[in-house]
Amino acid sequence: MSNSFPRFCLLFICSIFAGFTLRAQLSAPDSSGRGSSTGLGLSQGSSASTGTRASEYQIGGVTVTGVKYLDEDLMLAVAGLKVGSSIKLPNDESIAKAIRNLWKQELFSDINITVTRIVGNKVFLNIAVEERPRLSKYNFKGIKKSEAQELKDKVNLVKSRVVT
């Protein structure tokens, strides 16, 4: 325990500086005494803090939720999580890398990757995102049309562009 605590703290601090969030929700054992497969967290360091061992799985499927304007297939390509790839849960670097890859696009205000279910050695993941708002329209009031056009040229606002 004393060896894993500093490692957990280091991973926690690194995840904050990396600018992404991994949500952890480890489920309680069900009535059969086994842990439920839904809601298994992907928190870095969770094996050290909960005493569970990392298990190797094959990605059986990846879904995307929360997308309004972007193509889901493109998001999956950017994330790099491919069906059939091998990952270790709960501490696989490919999960953190997928979040970093998506975060670098600067299109999202929140990104979470969770396990939706486990069947045998196959794990099914969900990428839940919250897209940043986009500029739909704008106008200038209280000025002449020629001044409005001049402002449009200076401000360089583009419709449908992500607002940061």
N, C-alpha and C. Protein backbone atom coordinates (compact mmCIF):
# COMPACT_ATOMS: atom_id res chain seq x y z
N MET A 1 0.83 -1.19 0.00
CA MET A 1 0.00 0.00 0.00
C MET A 1 0.87 1.25 0.00
N SER A 2 1.92 1.27 0.83
CA SER A 2 2.75 2.47 0.91
C SER A 2 3.52 2.71 -0.38
N ASN A 3 3.85 1.65 -1.12
CA ASN A 3 4.54 1.79 -2.40
C ASN A 3 3.61 2.33 -3.48
N SER A 4 2.35 1.94 -3.44
CA SER A 4 1.43 2.34 -4.50
C SER A 4 0.85 3.73 -4.28
N PHE A 5 0.85 4.24 -3.06
CA PHE A 5 0.27 5.56 -2.80
C PHE A 5 1.00 6.67 -3.54
N PRO A 6 2.35 6.75 -3.49
CA PRO A 6 3.04 7.81 -4.25
C PRO A 6 2.80 7.69 -5.76
N ARG A 7 2.74 6.47 -6.26
CA ARG A 7 2.49 6.26 -7.68
C ARG A 7 1.09 6.76 -8.05
N PHE A 8 0.14 6.48 -7.18
CA PHE A 8 -1.23 6.95 -7.41
C PHE A 8 -1.27 8.47 -7.43
N CYS A 9 -0.59 9.10 -6.49
CA CYS A 9 -0.56 10.57 -6.43
C CYS A 9 0.09 11.15 -7.68
N LEU A 10 1.18 10.55 -8.13
CA LEU A 10 1.86 11.02 -9.33
C LEU A 10 0.96 10.90 -10.55
N LEU A 11 0.28 9.77 -10.70
CA LEU A 11 -0.63 9.60 -11.83
C LEU A 11 -1.78 10.59 -11.76
N PHE A 12 -2.27 10.85 -10.57
CA PHE A 12 -3.36 11.81 -10.40
C PHE A 12 -2.92 13.20 -10.83
N ILE A 13 -1.76 13.62 -10.40
CA ILE A 13 -1.25 14.94 -10.76
C ILE A 13 -1.00 15.03 -12.26
N CYS A 14 -0.43 13.97 -12.84
CA CYS A 14 -0.18 13.97 -14.29
C CYS A 14 -1.48 14.08 -15.07
N SER A 15 -2.53 13.40 -14.62
CA SER A 15 -3.80 13.47 -15.34
C SER A 15 -4.40 14.86 -15.28
N ILE A 16 -4.18 15.58 -14.19
CA ILE A 16 -4.68 16.95 -14.10
C ILE A 16 -3.95 17.84 -15.10
N PHE A 17 -2.62 17.72 -15.15
CA PHE A 17 -1.85 18.55 -16.07
C PHE A 17 -2.08 18.17 -17.52
N ALA A 18 -2.43 16.96 -17.79
CA ALA A 18 -2.67 16.54 -19.17
C ALA A 18 -3.97 17.14 -19.70
N GLY A 19 -4.81 17.62 -18.81
CA GLY A 19 -6.02 18.31 -19.24
C GLY A 19 -7.15 17.39 -19.65
N PHE A 20 -7.26 16.24 -19.06
CA PHE A 20 -8.36 15.36 -19.37
C PHE A 20 -8.90 14.75 -18.09
N THR A 21 -10.07 14.16 -18.20
CA THR A 21 -10.74 13.58 -17.05
C THR A 21 -11.02 12.12 -17.32
N LEU A 22 -10.71 11.30 -16.37
CA LEU A 22 -11.12 9.91 -16.41
C LEU A 22 -12.04 9.69 -15.22
N ARG A 23 -13.25 9.33 -15.48
CA ARG A 23 -14.21 9.12 -14.41
C ARG A 23 -14.13 7.68 -13.93
N ALA A 24 -14.11 7.50 -12.64
CA ALA A 24 -14.02 6.15 -12.08
C ALA A 24 -15.27 5.85 -11.28
N GLN A 25 -15.90 4.74 -11.59
CA GLN A 25 -17.03 4.27 -10.82
C GLN A 25 -16.90 2.76 -10.73
N LEU A 26 -16.24 2.29 -9.72
CA LEU A 26 -16.11 0.86 -9.55
C LEU A 26 -17.38 0.36 -8.90
N SER A 27 -17.99 -0.65 -9.50
CA SER A 27 -19.28 -1.12 -9.02
C SER A 27 -19.11 -2.10 -7.87
N ALA A 28 -20.12 -2.15 -7.05
CA ALA A 28 -20.14 -3.09 -5.93
C ALA A 28 -20.46 -4.47 -6.46
N PRO A 29 -20.04 -5.52 -5.74
CA PRO A 29 -20.36 -6.87 -6.19
C PRO A 29 -21.87 -7.08 -6.26
N ASP A 30 -22.32 -7.84 -7.27
CA ASP A 30 -23.74 -8.12 -7.36
C ASP A 30 -24.11 -9.28 -6.45
N SER A 31 -25.33 -9.77 -6.54
CA SER A 31 -25.82 -10.79 -5.62
C SER A 31 -25.04 -12.10 -5.73
N SER A 32 -24.39 -12.36 -6.86
CA SER A 32 -23.62 -13.60 -7.00
C SER A 32 -22.23 -13.48 -6.38
N GLY A 33 -21.88 -12.28 -5.89
CA GLY A 33 -20.58 -12.09 -5.28
C GLY A 33 -19.52 -11.61 -6.24
N ARG A 34 -19.85 -11.59 -7.54
CA ARG A 34 -18.90 -11.09 -8.53
C ARG A 34 -19.21 -9.63 -8.80
N GLY A 35 -18.21 -8.92 -9.24
CA GLY A 35 -18.42 -7.52 -9.59
C GLY A 35 -19.23 -7.41 -10.87
N SER A 36 -20.09 -6.43 -10.93
CA SER A 36 -20.86 -6.17 -12.13
C SER A 36 -19.94 -5.61 -13.20
N SER A 37 -20.20 -5.94 -14.46
CA SER A 37 -19.31 -5.47 -15.52
C SER A 37 -19.65 -4.06 -15.98
N THR A 38 -20.85 -3.58 -15.71
CA THR A 38 -21.19 -2.22 -16.13
C THR A 38 -20.65 -1.24 -15.13
N GLY A 39 -20.13 -0.15 -15.63
CA GLY A 39 -19.62 0.91 -14.76
C GLY A 39 -18.21 0.68 -14.26
N LEU A 40 -17.49 -0.29 -14.79
CA LEU A 40 -16.10 -0.49 -14.38
C LEU A 40 -15.31 0.75 -14.75
N GLY A 41 -14.63 1.31 -13.78
CA GLY A 41 -13.94 2.58 -14.01
C GLY A 41 -12.65 2.40 -14.76
N LEU A 42 -12.23 3.45 -15.41
CA LEU A 42 -10.98 3.45 -16.14
C LEU A 42 -10.03 4.45 -15.54
N SER A 43 -10.08 4.59 -14.24
CA SER A 43 -9.25 5.58 -13.56
C SER A 43 -7.83 5.08 -13.48
N GLN A 44 -6.89 5.96 -13.81
CA GLN A 44 -5.49 5.58 -13.67
C GLN A 44 -5.21 5.40 -12.20
N GLY A 45 -4.50 4.35 -11.87
CA GLY A 45 -4.14 4.09 -10.48
C GLY A 45 -5.21 3.36 -9.71
N SER A 46 -6.32 3.00 -10.33
CA SER A 46 -7.38 2.38 -9.56
C SER A 46 -7.03 0.96 -9.14
N SER A 47 -6.16 0.27 -9.87
CA SER A 47 -5.79 -1.07 -9.43
C SER A 47 -4.96 -1.00 -8.17
N ALA A 48 -4.17 0.04 -8.03
CA ALA A 48 -3.37 0.19 -6.83
C ALA A 48 -4.24 0.56 -5.64
N SER A 49 -5.25 1.39 -5.87
CA SER A 49 -6.07 1.85 -4.75
C SER A 49 -7.13 0.84 -4.36
N THR A 50 -7.59 -0.03 -5.28
CA THR A 50 -8.63 -0.98 -4.95
C THR A 50 -8.10 -2.39 -4.76
N GLY A 51 -6.87 -2.65 -5.11
CA GLY A 51 -6.29 -3.96 -4.94
C GLY A 51 -6.62 -4.91 -6.08
N THR A 52 -7.32 -4.46 -7.11
CA THR A 52 -7.65 -5.33 -8.23
C THR A 52 -6.48 -5.39 -9.19
N ARG A 53 -6.37 -6.50 -9.89
CA ARG A 53 -5.30 -6.66 -10.87
C ARG A 53 -5.80 -6.26 -12.24
N ALA A 54 -4.88 -5.78 -13.05
CA ALA A 54 -5.24 -5.45 -14.42
C ALA A 54 -5.46 -6.74 -15.20
N SER A 55 -6.54 -6.78 -15.97
CA SER A 55 -6.86 -7.93 -16.80
C SER A 55 -6.80 -7.52 -18.25
N GLU A 56 -6.36 -8.45 -19.10
CA GLU A 56 -6.25 -8.15 -20.52
C GLU A 56 -7.56 -8.52 -21.22
N TYR A 57 -8.02 -7.60 -22.06
CA TYR A 57 -9.26 -7.78 -22.80
C TYR A 57 -9.02 -7.40 -24.25
N GLN A 58 -9.93 -7.85 -25.11
CA GLN A 58 -9.98 -7.40 -26.49
C GLN A 58 -11.13 -6.42 -26.60
N ILE A 59 -10.94 -5.36 -27.36
CA ILE A 59 -12.03 -4.41 -27.54
C ILE A 59 -13.06 -5.04 -28.47
N GLY A 60 -14.26 -5.24 -27.95
CA GLY A 60 -15.34 -5.86 -28.72
C GLY A 60 -16.18 -4.85 -29.48
N GLY A 61 -16.14 -3.60 -29.04
CA GLY A 61 -16.90 -2.55 -29.71
C GLY A 61 -16.70 -1.23 -29.00
N VAL A 62 -16.85 -0.16 -29.76
CA VAL A 62 -16.72 1.19 -29.21
C VAL A 62 -17.88 2.03 -29.74
N THR A 63 -18.63 2.63 -28.83
CA THR A 63 -19.71 3.53 -29.23
C THR A 63 -19.33 4.96 -28.84
N VAL A 64 -19.99 5.91 -29.48
CA VAL A 64 -19.75 7.33 -29.20
C VAL A 64 -21.09 7.97 -28.88
N THR A 65 -21.15 8.72 -27.78
CA THR A 65 -22.36 9.45 -27.41
C THR A 65 -22.04 10.92 -27.20
N GLY A 66 -23.05 11.76 -27.37
CA GLY A 66 -22.89 13.19 -27.14
C GLY A 66 -22.46 13.98 -28.35
N VAL A 67 -22.35 13.32 -29.50
CA VAL A 67 -21.89 14.00 -30.71
C VAL A 67 -23.07 14.69 -31.39
N LYS A 68 -22.88 15.96 -31.73
CA LYS A 68 -23.92 16.72 -32.45
C LYS A 68 -23.50 17.04 -33.88
N TYR A 69 -22.27 17.49 -34.06
CA TYR A 69 -21.83 17.99 -35.36
C TYR A 69 -20.75 17.12 -36.01
N LEU A 70 -20.08 16.31 -35.25
CA LEU A 70 -18.92 15.58 -35.76
C LEU A 70 -19.30 14.16 -36.17
N ASP A 71 -18.49 13.58 -37.04
CA ASP A 71 -18.68 12.22 -37.51
C ASP A 71 -18.13 11.24 -36.48
N GLU A 72 -18.94 10.27 -36.07
CA GLU A 72 -18.52 9.30 -35.06
C GLU A 72 -17.34 8.45 -35.53
N ASP A 73 -17.35 8.05 -36.80
CA ASP A 73 -16.24 7.24 -37.33
C ASP A 73 -14.93 8.01 -37.30
N LEU A 74 -14.99 9.30 -37.59
CA LEU A 74 -13.79 10.13 -37.53
C LEU A 74 -13.29 10.23 -36.09
N MET A 75 -14.21 10.38 -35.15
CA MET A 75 -13.82 10.43 -33.74
C MET A 75 -13.14 9.14 -33.30
N LEU A 76 -13.67 8.00 -33.75
CA LEU A 76 -13.06 6.72 -33.40
C LEU A 76 -11.67 6.60 -34.00
N ALA A 77 -11.49 7.10 -35.21
CA ALA A 77 -10.17 7.06 -35.84
C ALA A 77 -9.18 7.94 -35.07
N VAL A 78 -9.62 9.12 -34.66
CA VAL A 78 -8.74 10.02 -33.90
C VAL A 78 -8.40 9.42 -32.54
N ALA A 79 -9.39 8.80 -31.89
CA ALA A 79 -9.16 8.20 -30.58
C ALA A 79 -8.18 7.04 -30.66
N GLY A 80 -8.22 6.28 -31.75
CA GLY A 80 -7.28 5.18 -31.92
C GLY A 80 -7.69 3.90 -31.21
N LEU A 81 -8.91 3.81 -30.71
CA LEU A 81 -9.39 2.58 -30.08
C LEU A 81 -10.06 1.74 -31.16
N LYS A 82 -9.42 0.64 -31.52
CA LYS A 82 -9.89 -0.19 -32.62
C LYS A 82 -10.46 -1.50 -32.09
N VAL A 83 -11.56 -1.94 -32.69
CA VAL A 83 -12.15 -3.22 -32.35
C VAL A 83 -11.13 -4.31 -32.65
N GLY A 84 -10.94 -5.20 -31.69
CA GLY A 84 -9.96 -6.27 -31.83
C GLY A 84 -8.63 -5.98 -31.16
N SER A 85 -8.40 -4.71 -30.82
CA SER A 85 -7.16 -4.35 -30.12
C SER A 85 -7.18 -4.91 -28.71
N SER A 86 -6.01 -5.16 -28.18
CA SER A 86 -5.87 -5.69 -26.83
C SER A 86 -5.60 -4.54 -25.86
N ILE A 87 -6.32 -4.52 -24.73
CA ILE A 87 -6.09 -3.52 -23.70
C ILE A 87 -6.13 -4.18 -22.33
N LYS A 88 -5.45 -3.55 -21.38
CA LYS A 88 -5.47 -4.01 -20.00
C LYS A 88 -6.29 -3.02 -19.20
N LEU A 89 -7.24 -3.53 -18.45
CA LEU A 89 -8.05 -2.66 -17.60
C LEU A 89 -7.76 -2.98 -16.16
N PRO A 90 -7.73 -2.00 -15.31
CA PRO A 90 -8.20 -0.64 -15.53
C PRO A 90 -7.11 0.35 -15.91
N ASN A 91 -5.88 -0.04 -16.15
CA ASN A 91 -4.78 0.92 -16.30
C ASN A 91 -4.11 0.94 -17.67
N ASP A 92 -4.83 0.78 -18.73
CA ASP A 92 -4.18 0.75 -20.04
C ASP A 92 -3.89 2.17 -20.53
N GLU A 93 -2.69 2.38 -21.03
CA GLU A 93 -2.28 3.69 -21.53
C GLU A 93 -3.08 4.09 -22.77
N SER A 94 -3.62 3.12 -23.51
CA SER A 94 -4.35 3.46 -24.73
C SER A 94 -5.63 4.25 -24.43
N ILE A 95 -6.21 4.06 -23.25
CA ILE A 95 -7.39 4.83 -22.85
C ILE A 95 -7.00 6.29 -22.65
N ALA A 96 -5.93 6.51 -21.90
CA ALA A 96 -5.44 7.88 -21.66
C ALA A 96 -5.01 8.53 -22.98
N LYS A 97 -4.38 7.75 -23.85
CA LYS A 97 -3.92 8.27 -25.14
C LYS A 97 -5.12 8.66 -26.01
N ALA A 98 -6.17 7.85 -25.97
CA ALA A 98 -7.38 8.17 -26.75
C ALA A 98 -7.99 9.49 -26.28
N ILE A 99 -8.02 9.70 -24.98
CA ILE A 99 -8.56 10.95 -24.44
C ILE A 99 -7.67 12.12 -24.85
N ARG A 100 -6.37 11.94 -24.74
CA ARG A 100 -5.44 13.02 -25.15
C ARG A 100 -5.61 13.35 -26.64
N ASN A 101 -5.73 12.31 -27.48
CA ASN A 101 -5.89 12.54 -28.92
C ASN A 101 -7.15 13.34 -29.22
N LEU A 102 -8.23 13.00 -28.53
CA LEU A 102 -9.48 13.74 -28.74
C LEU A 102 -9.38 15.15 -28.17
N TRP A 103 -8.75 15.28 -27.01
CA TRP A 103 -8.62 16.58 -26.36
C TRP A 103 -7.81 17.56 -27.21
N LYS A 104 -6.79 17.05 -27.90
CA LYS A 104 -5.93 17.90 -28.75
C LYS A 104 -6.71 18.56 -29.88
N GLN A 105 -7.84 18.01 -30.25
CA GLN A 105 -8.64 18.58 -31.33
C GLN A 105 -9.31 19.89 -30.92
N GLU A 106 -9.36 20.16 -29.62
CA GLU A 106 -9.96 21.38 -29.06
C GLU A 106 -11.42 21.55 -29.48
N LEU A 107 -12.13 20.44 -29.60
CA LEU A 107 -13.54 20.47 -29.98
C LEU A 107 -14.47 20.12 -28.83
N PHE A 108 -13.91 19.66 -27.70
CA PHE A 108 -14.73 19.12 -26.62
C PHE A 108 -14.46 19.83 -25.31
N SER A 109 -15.52 19.97 -24.51
CA SER A 109 -15.35 20.52 -23.16
C SER A 109 -15.28 19.39 -22.13
N ASP A 110 -15.68 18.18 -22.51
CA ASP A 110 -15.62 17.03 -21.60
C ASP A 110 -15.51 15.75 -22.41
N ILE A 111 -14.66 14.84 -21.94
CA ILE A 111 -14.47 13.54 -22.60
C ILE A 111 -14.39 12.47 -21.51
N ASN A 112 -15.20 11.42 -21.64
CA ASN A 112 -15.16 10.29 -20.71
C ASN A 112 -15.18 9.00 -21.51
N ILE A 113 -14.38 8.04 -21.10
CA ILE A 113 -14.41 6.72 -21.71
C ILE A 113 -14.76 5.73 -20.61
N THR A 114 -15.83 4.99 -20.82
CA THR A 114 -16.30 4.04 -19.80
C THR A 114 -16.51 2.66 -20.42
N VAL A 115 -16.48 1.66 -19.57
CA VAL A 115 -16.80 0.30 -19.97
C VAL A 115 -18.31 0.14 -19.86
N THR A 116 -18.95 -0.28 -20.95
CA THR A 116 -20.39 -0.50 -20.90
C THR A 116 -20.72 -1.94 -20.53
N ARG A 117 -19.89 -2.87 -20.99
CA ARG A 117 -20.10 -4.27 -20.58
C ARG A 117 -18.85 -5.08 -20.92
N ILE A 118 -18.76 -6.22 -20.26
CA ILE A 118 -17.68 -7.17 -20.52
C ILE A 118 -18.32 -8.52 -20.78
N VAL A 119 -17.96 -9.13 -21.90
CA VAL A 119 -18.46 -10.46 -22.25
C VAL A 119 -17.25 -11.33 -22.51
N GLY A 120 -16.99 -12.26 -21.60
CA GLY A 120 -15.80 -13.10 -21.72
C GLY A 120 -14.56 -12.24 -21.63
N ASN A 121 -13.73 -12.31 -22.67
CA ASN A 121 -12.52 -11.47 -22.68
C ASN A 121 -12.70 -10.24 -23.58
N LYS A 122 -13.93 -9.95 -23.97
CA LYS A 122 -14.21 -8.77 -24.80
C LYS A 122 -14.80 -7.66 -23.94
N VAL A 123 -14.29 -6.46 -24.15
CA VAL A 123 -14.77 -5.29 -23.42
C VAL A 123 -15.39 -4.32 -24.43
N PHE A 124 -16.51 -3.74 -24.04
CA PHE A 124 -17.22 -2.79 -24.88
C PHE A 124 -17.13 -1.42 -24.23
N LEU A 125 -16.65 -0.45 -24.99
CA LEU A 125 -16.38 0.89 -24.47
C LEU A 125 -17.35 1.91 -25.04
N ASN A 126 -17.54 2.98 -24.29
CA ASN A 126 -18.32 4.12 -24.76
C ASN A 126 -17.49 5.39 -24.57
N ILE A 127 -17.40 6.17 -25.62
CA ILE A 127 -16.75 7.48 -25.54
C ILE A 127 -17.86 8.51 -25.46
N ALA A 128 -17.99 9.15 -24.31
CA ALA A 128 -19.00 10.19 -24.11
C ALA A 128 -18.31 11.54 -24.17
N VAL A 129 -18.79 12.39 -25.06
CA VAL A 129 -18.18 13.71 -25.23
C VAL A 129 -19.23 14.80 -25.07
N GLU A 130 -18.74 15.97 -24.74
CA GLU A 130 -19.57 17.16 -24.76
C GLU A 130 -18.85 18.15 -25.67
N GLU A 131 -19.49 18.44 -26.79
CA GLU A 131 -18.86 19.33 -27.77
C GLU A 131 -18.92 20.77 -27.29
N ARG A 132 -17.89 21.52 -27.64
CA ARG A 132 -17.89 22.95 -27.35
C ARG A 132 -18.93 23.62 -28.24
N PRO A 133 -19.47 24.74 -27.78
CA PRO A 133 -20.48 25.43 -28.59
C PRO A 133 -19.90 25.96 -29.89
N ARG A 134 -20.79 26.09 -30.88
CA ARG A 134 -20.40 26.62 -32.18
C ARG A 134 -21.16 27.92 -32.45
N LEU A 135 -20.54 28.79 -33.18
CA LEU A 135 -21.15 30.07 -33.53
C LEU A 135 -22.18 29.84 -34.62
N SER A 136 -23.45 30.11 -34.33
CA SER A 136 -24.48 29.89 -35.35
C SER A 136 -24.77 31.16 -36.14
N LYS A 137 -24.84 32.29 -35.46
CA LYS A 137 -25.02 33.55 -36.18
C LYS A 137 -24.61 34.71 -35.28
N TYR A 138 -24.39 35.83 -35.90
CA TYR A 138 -24.05 37.03 -35.15
C TYR A 138 -24.48 38.24 -35.97
N ASN A 139 -24.73 39.34 -35.28
CA ASN A 139 -25.05 40.59 -35.96
C ASN A 139 -24.62 41.76 -35.08
N PHE A 140 -24.50 42.90 -35.71
CA PHE A 140 -24.11 44.12 -35.01
C PHE A 140 -25.30 45.07 -35.01
N LYS A 141 -25.57 45.65 -33.86
CA LYS A 141 -26.69 46.59 -33.74
C LYS A 141 -26.16 47.97 -33.37
N GLY A 142 -26.86 48.98 -33.85
CA GLY A 142 -26.52 50.35 -33.48
C GLY A 142 -25.43 50.98 -34.32
N ILE A 143 -25.06 50.33 -35.41
CA ILE A 143 -24.03 50.91 -36.29
C ILE A 143 -24.52 50.83 -37.74
N LYS A 144 -23.89 51.60 -38.60
CA LYS A 144 -24.26 51.61 -40.02
C LYS A 144 -23.82 50.30 -40.68
N LYS A 145 -24.47 49.98 -41.80
CA LYS A 145 -24.14 48.74 -42.52
C LYS A 145 -22.69 48.71 -42.97
N SER A 146 -22.18 49.85 -43.41
CA SER A 146 -20.78 49.89 -43.85
C SER A 146 -19.84 49.63 -42.68
N GLU A 147 -20.19 50.16 -41.50
CA GLU A 147 -19.37 49.91 -40.31
C GLU A 147 -19.49 48.45 -39.88
N ALA A 148 -20.69 47.88 -40.03
CA ALA A 148 -20.89 46.46 -39.69
C ALA A 148 -20.02 45.57 -40.57
N GLN A 149 -19.97 45.89 -41.86
CA GLN A 149 -19.13 45.11 -42.77
C GLN A 149 -17.66 45.24 -42.42
N GLU A 150 -17.25 46.44 -42.06
CA GLU A 150 -15.86 46.67 -41.66
C GLU A 150 -15.52 45.87 -40.39
N LEU A 151 -16.46 45.84 -39.44
CA LEU A 151 -16.25 45.06 -38.22
C LEU A 151 -16.17 43.57 -38.52
N LYS A 152 -17.04 43.09 -39.42
CA LYS A 152 -17.02 41.67 -39.79
C LYS A 152 -15.66 41.28 -40.35
N ASP A 153 -15.10 42.16 -41.17
CA ASP A 153 -13.78 41.90 -41.75
C ASP A 153 -12.68 41.89 -40.69
N LYS A 154 -12.79 42.79 -39.72
CA LYS A 154 -11.76 42.87 -38.67
C LYS A 154 -11.87 41.74 -37.66
N VAL A 155 -13.10 41.39 -37.28
CA VAL A 155 -13.31 40.39 -36.23
C VAL A 155 -13.06 38.98 -36.74
N ASN A 156 -13.35 38.75 -38.01
CA ASN A 156 -13.11 37.44 -38.63
C ASN A 156 -13.84 36.30 -37.92
N LEU A 157 -15.13 36.50 -37.63
CA LEU A 157 -15.96 35.45 -37.06
C LEU A 157 -16.48 34.56 -38.18
N VAL A 158 -16.43 33.25 -37.96
CA VAL A 158 -16.87 32.30 -38.98
C VAL A 158 -18.00 31.47 -38.39
N LYS A 159 -19.12 31.43 -39.11
CA LYS A 159 -20.26 30.63 -38.66
C LYS A 159 -19.87 29.15 -38.63
N SER A 160 -20.40 28.43 -37.66
CA SER A 160 -20.17 26.99 -37.43
C SER A 160 -18.80 26.68 -36.86
N ARG A 161 -17.99 27.68 -36.57
CA ARG A 161 -16.69 27.44 -35.95
C ARG A 161 -16.86 27.28 -34.44
N VAL A 162 -16.04 26.46 -33.84
CA VAL A 162 -16.09 26.23 -32.39
C VAL A 162 -15.72 27.50 -31.66
N VAL A 163 -16.52 27.84 -30.65
CA VAL A 163 -16.26 29.02 -29.84
C VAL A 163 -15.44 28.59 -28.63
N THR A 164 -14.29 29.22 -28.43
CA THR A 164 -13.46 28.88 -27.27
C THR A 164 -13.35 30.03 -26.31
